[in-house]
Amino acid sequence: MQRNTTSYIVAGLGVIVTLIGWYVGDLWGAGIMGFGLAHILLGILDMFRPAVKATTE
């Protein structure tokens, strides 16, 4: 799987988790939403990370 595809999957799961937190509401929902928003942020940041080539010696 390509790196960019993984980033989209992580961000997409973050959207789903954030929506679940929205519907749960209350204090639990706030925690779940924060977890989902963190996944969205990390997925987006991973898209802009430069690729590093591995060298073997």
N, C-alpha and C. Protein backbone atom coordinates (compact mmCIF):
# COMPACT_ATOMS: atom_id res chain seq x y z
N MET A 1 0.85 -1.18 0.00
CA MET A 1 0.00 0.00 0.00
C MET A 1 0.89 1.23 0.00
N GLN A 2 0.52 2.21 -0.80
CA GLN A 2 1.32 3.41 -0.88
C GLN A 2 1.14 4.28 0.36
N ARG A 3 2.12 5.14 0.59
CA ARG A 3 2.11 6.00 1.77
C ARG A 3 0.92 6.95 1.75
N ASN A 4 0.59 7.50 0.59
CA ASN A 4 -0.50 8.45 0.50
C ASN A 4 -1.85 7.77 0.76
N THR A 5 -2.00 6.53 0.33
CA THR A 5 -3.22 5.79 0.57
C THR A 5 -3.42 5.57 2.07
N THR A 6 -2.37 5.25 2.76
CA THR A 6 -2.45 5.07 4.21
C THR A 6 -2.87 6.36 4.90
N SER A 7 -2.38 7.49 4.43
CA SER A 7 -2.74 8.78 5.01
C SER A 7 -4.23 9.04 4.84
N TYR A 8 -4.77 8.73 3.67
CA TYR A 8 -6.20 8.93 3.43
C TYR A 8 -7.03 8.00 4.32
N ILE A 9 -6.58 6.79 4.53
CA ILE A 9 -7.31 5.84 5.37
C ILE A 9 -7.33 6.34 6.81
N VAL A 10 -6.19 6.81 7.31
CA VAL A 10 -6.12 7.32 8.69
C VAL A 10 -7.02 8.53 8.85
N ALA A 11 -6.99 9.46 7.89
CA ALA A 11 -7.84 10.65 7.97
C ALA A 11 -9.31 10.27 7.86
N GLY A 12 -9.63 9.32 7.00
CA GLY A 12 -11.02 8.88 6.85
C GLY A 12 -11.56 8.22 8.10
N LEU A 13 -10.75 7.38 8.73
CA LEU A 13 -11.17 6.78 10.00
C LEU A 13 -11.33 7.84 11.08
N GLY A 14 -10.49 8.87 11.02
CA GLY A 14 -10.63 9.97 11.97
C GLY A 14 -11.96 10.69 11.82
N VAL A 15 -12.40 10.85 10.57
CA VAL A 15 -13.71 11.48 10.33
C VAL A 15 -14.83 10.63 10.92
N ILE A 16 -14.74 9.32 10.72
CA ILE A 16 -15.77 8.41 11.25
C ILE A 16 -15.79 8.45 12.77
N VAL A 17 -14.62 8.40 13.40
CA VAL A 17 -14.55 8.42 14.86
C VAL A 17 -15.05 9.76 15.40
N THR A 18 -14.72 10.86 14.70
CA THR A 18 -15.20 12.17 15.13
C THR A 18 -16.72 12.25 15.07
N LEU A 19 -17.32 11.70 14.02
CA LEU A 19 -18.78 11.70 13.92
C LEU A 19 -19.42 10.84 15.01
N ILE A 20 -18.79 9.74 15.34
CA ILE A 20 -19.30 8.90 16.42
C ILE A 20 -19.27 9.69 17.73
N GLY A 21 -18.18 10.40 17.98
CA GLY A 21 -18.08 11.21 19.18
C GLY A 21 -19.12 12.32 19.21
N TRP A 22 -19.42 12.89 18.04
CA TRP A 22 -20.43 13.94 17.95
C TRP A 22 -21.80 13.41 18.38
N TYR A 23 -22.14 12.19 17.91
CA TYR A 23 -23.44 11.62 18.23
C TYR A 23 -23.52 11.10 19.65
N VAL A 24 -22.41 10.69 20.24
CA VAL A 24 -22.42 10.21 21.62
C VAL A 24 -22.69 11.38 22.56
N GLY A 25 -22.03 12.50 22.30
CA GLY A 25 -22.24 13.70 23.13
C GLY A 25 -21.63 13.54 24.51
N ASP A 26 -21.88 14.51 25.37
CA ASP A 26 -21.43 14.52 26.76
C ASP A 26 -19.89 14.46 26.85
N LEU A 27 -19.38 14.05 27.98
CA LEU A 27 -17.93 14.03 28.20
C LEU A 27 -17.25 12.91 27.41
N TRP A 28 -17.90 11.76 27.31
CA TRP A 28 -17.34 10.66 26.53
C TRP A 28 -17.22 11.05 25.06
N GLY A 29 -18.23 11.73 24.57
CA GLY A 29 -18.21 12.16 23.17
C GLY A 29 -17.08 13.14 22.89
N ALA A 30 -16.81 14.01 23.85
CA ALA A 30 -15.72 14.97 23.67
C ALA A 30 -14.37 14.25 23.57
N GLY A 31 -14.18 13.23 24.38
CA GLY A 31 -12.94 12.44 24.31
C GLY A 31 -12.82 11.69 23.00
N ILE A 32 -13.93 11.10 22.56
CA ILE A 32 -13.92 10.35 21.30
C ILE A 32 -13.67 11.31 20.13
N MET A 33 -14.30 12.49 20.17
CA MET A 33 -14.07 13.48 19.11
C MET A 33 -12.62 13.94 19.07
N GLY A 34 -12.02 14.14 20.22
CA GLY A 34 -10.62 14.54 20.26
C GLY A 34 -9.72 13.49 19.66
N PHE A 35 -10.02 12.23 19.94
CA PHE A 35 -9.25 11.12 19.37
C PHE A 35 -9.39 11.10 17.85
N GLY A 36 -10.61 11.32 17.36
CA GLY A 36 -10.84 11.34 15.92
C GLY A 36 -10.16 12.52 15.25
N LEU A 37 -10.25 13.70 15.89
CA LEU A 37 -9.61 14.88 15.32
C LEU A 37 -8.09 14.73 15.28
N ALA A 38 -7.53 14.05 16.26
CA ALA A 38 -6.08 13.80 16.25
C ALA A 38 -5.70 12.91 15.06
N HIS A 39 -6.54 11.92 14.75
CA HIS A 39 -6.26 11.06 13.61
C HIS A 39 -6.36 11.83 12.29
N ILE A 40 -7.33 12.72 12.20
CA ILE A 40 -7.44 13.54 10.99
C ILE A 40 -6.18 14.39 10.83
N LEU A 41 -5.76 15.04 11.89
CA LEU A 41 -4.57 15.89 11.83
C LEU A 41 -3.33 15.08 11.46
N LEU A 42 -3.15 13.91 12.09
CA LEU A 42 -1.97 13.10 11.78
C LEU A 42 -2.00 12.56 10.35
N GLY A 43 -3.18 12.20 9.86
CA GLY A 43 -3.30 11.74 8.48
C GLY A 43 -2.93 12.83 7.48
N ILE A 44 -3.40 14.06 7.75
CA ILE A 44 -3.10 15.18 6.86
C ILE A 44 -1.62 15.54 6.92
N LEU A 45 -1.05 15.56 8.12
CA LEU A 45 0.38 15.86 8.25
C LEU A 45 1.23 14.81 7.55
N ASP A 46 0.81 13.55 7.59
CA ASP A 46 1.56 12.48 6.94
C ASP A 46 1.57 12.65 5.43
N MET A 47 0.51 13.26 4.88
CA MET A 47 0.47 13.48 3.43
C MET A 47 1.56 14.44 2.97
N PHE A 48 1.93 15.38 3.83
CA PHE A 48 2.92 16.40 3.44
C PHE A 48 4.34 16.06 3.88
N ARG A 49 4.53 14.92 4.52
CA ARG A 49 5.86 14.51 4.95
C ARG A 49 6.67 14.08 3.74
N PRO A 50 7.91 14.52 3.63
CA PRO A 50 8.72 14.12 2.48
C PRO A 50 9.09 12.63 2.57
N ALA A 51 9.15 12.01 1.42
CA ALA A 51 9.51 10.59 1.36
C ALA A 51 11.01 10.43 1.62
N VAL A 52 11.36 9.42 2.38
CA VAL A 52 12.77 9.14 2.68
C VAL A 52 13.11 7.80 2.04
N LYS A 53 14.15 7.80 1.22
CA LYS A 53 14.58 6.56 0.57
C LYS A 53 15.49 5.79 1.51
N ALA A 54 15.21 4.52 1.65
CA ALA A 54 16.04 3.67 2.50
C ALA A 54 17.26 3.19 1.70
N THR A 55 18.41 3.28 2.31
CA THR A 55 19.63 2.80 1.67
C THR A 55 20.13 1.58 2.42
N THR A 56 20.60 0.62 1.69
CA THR A 56 21.15 -0.58 2.29
C THR A 56 22.63 -0.67 1.94
N GLU A 57 23.43 -0.91 2.93
CA GLU A 57 24.87 -1.02 2.71
C GLU A 57 25.37 -2.34 3.19
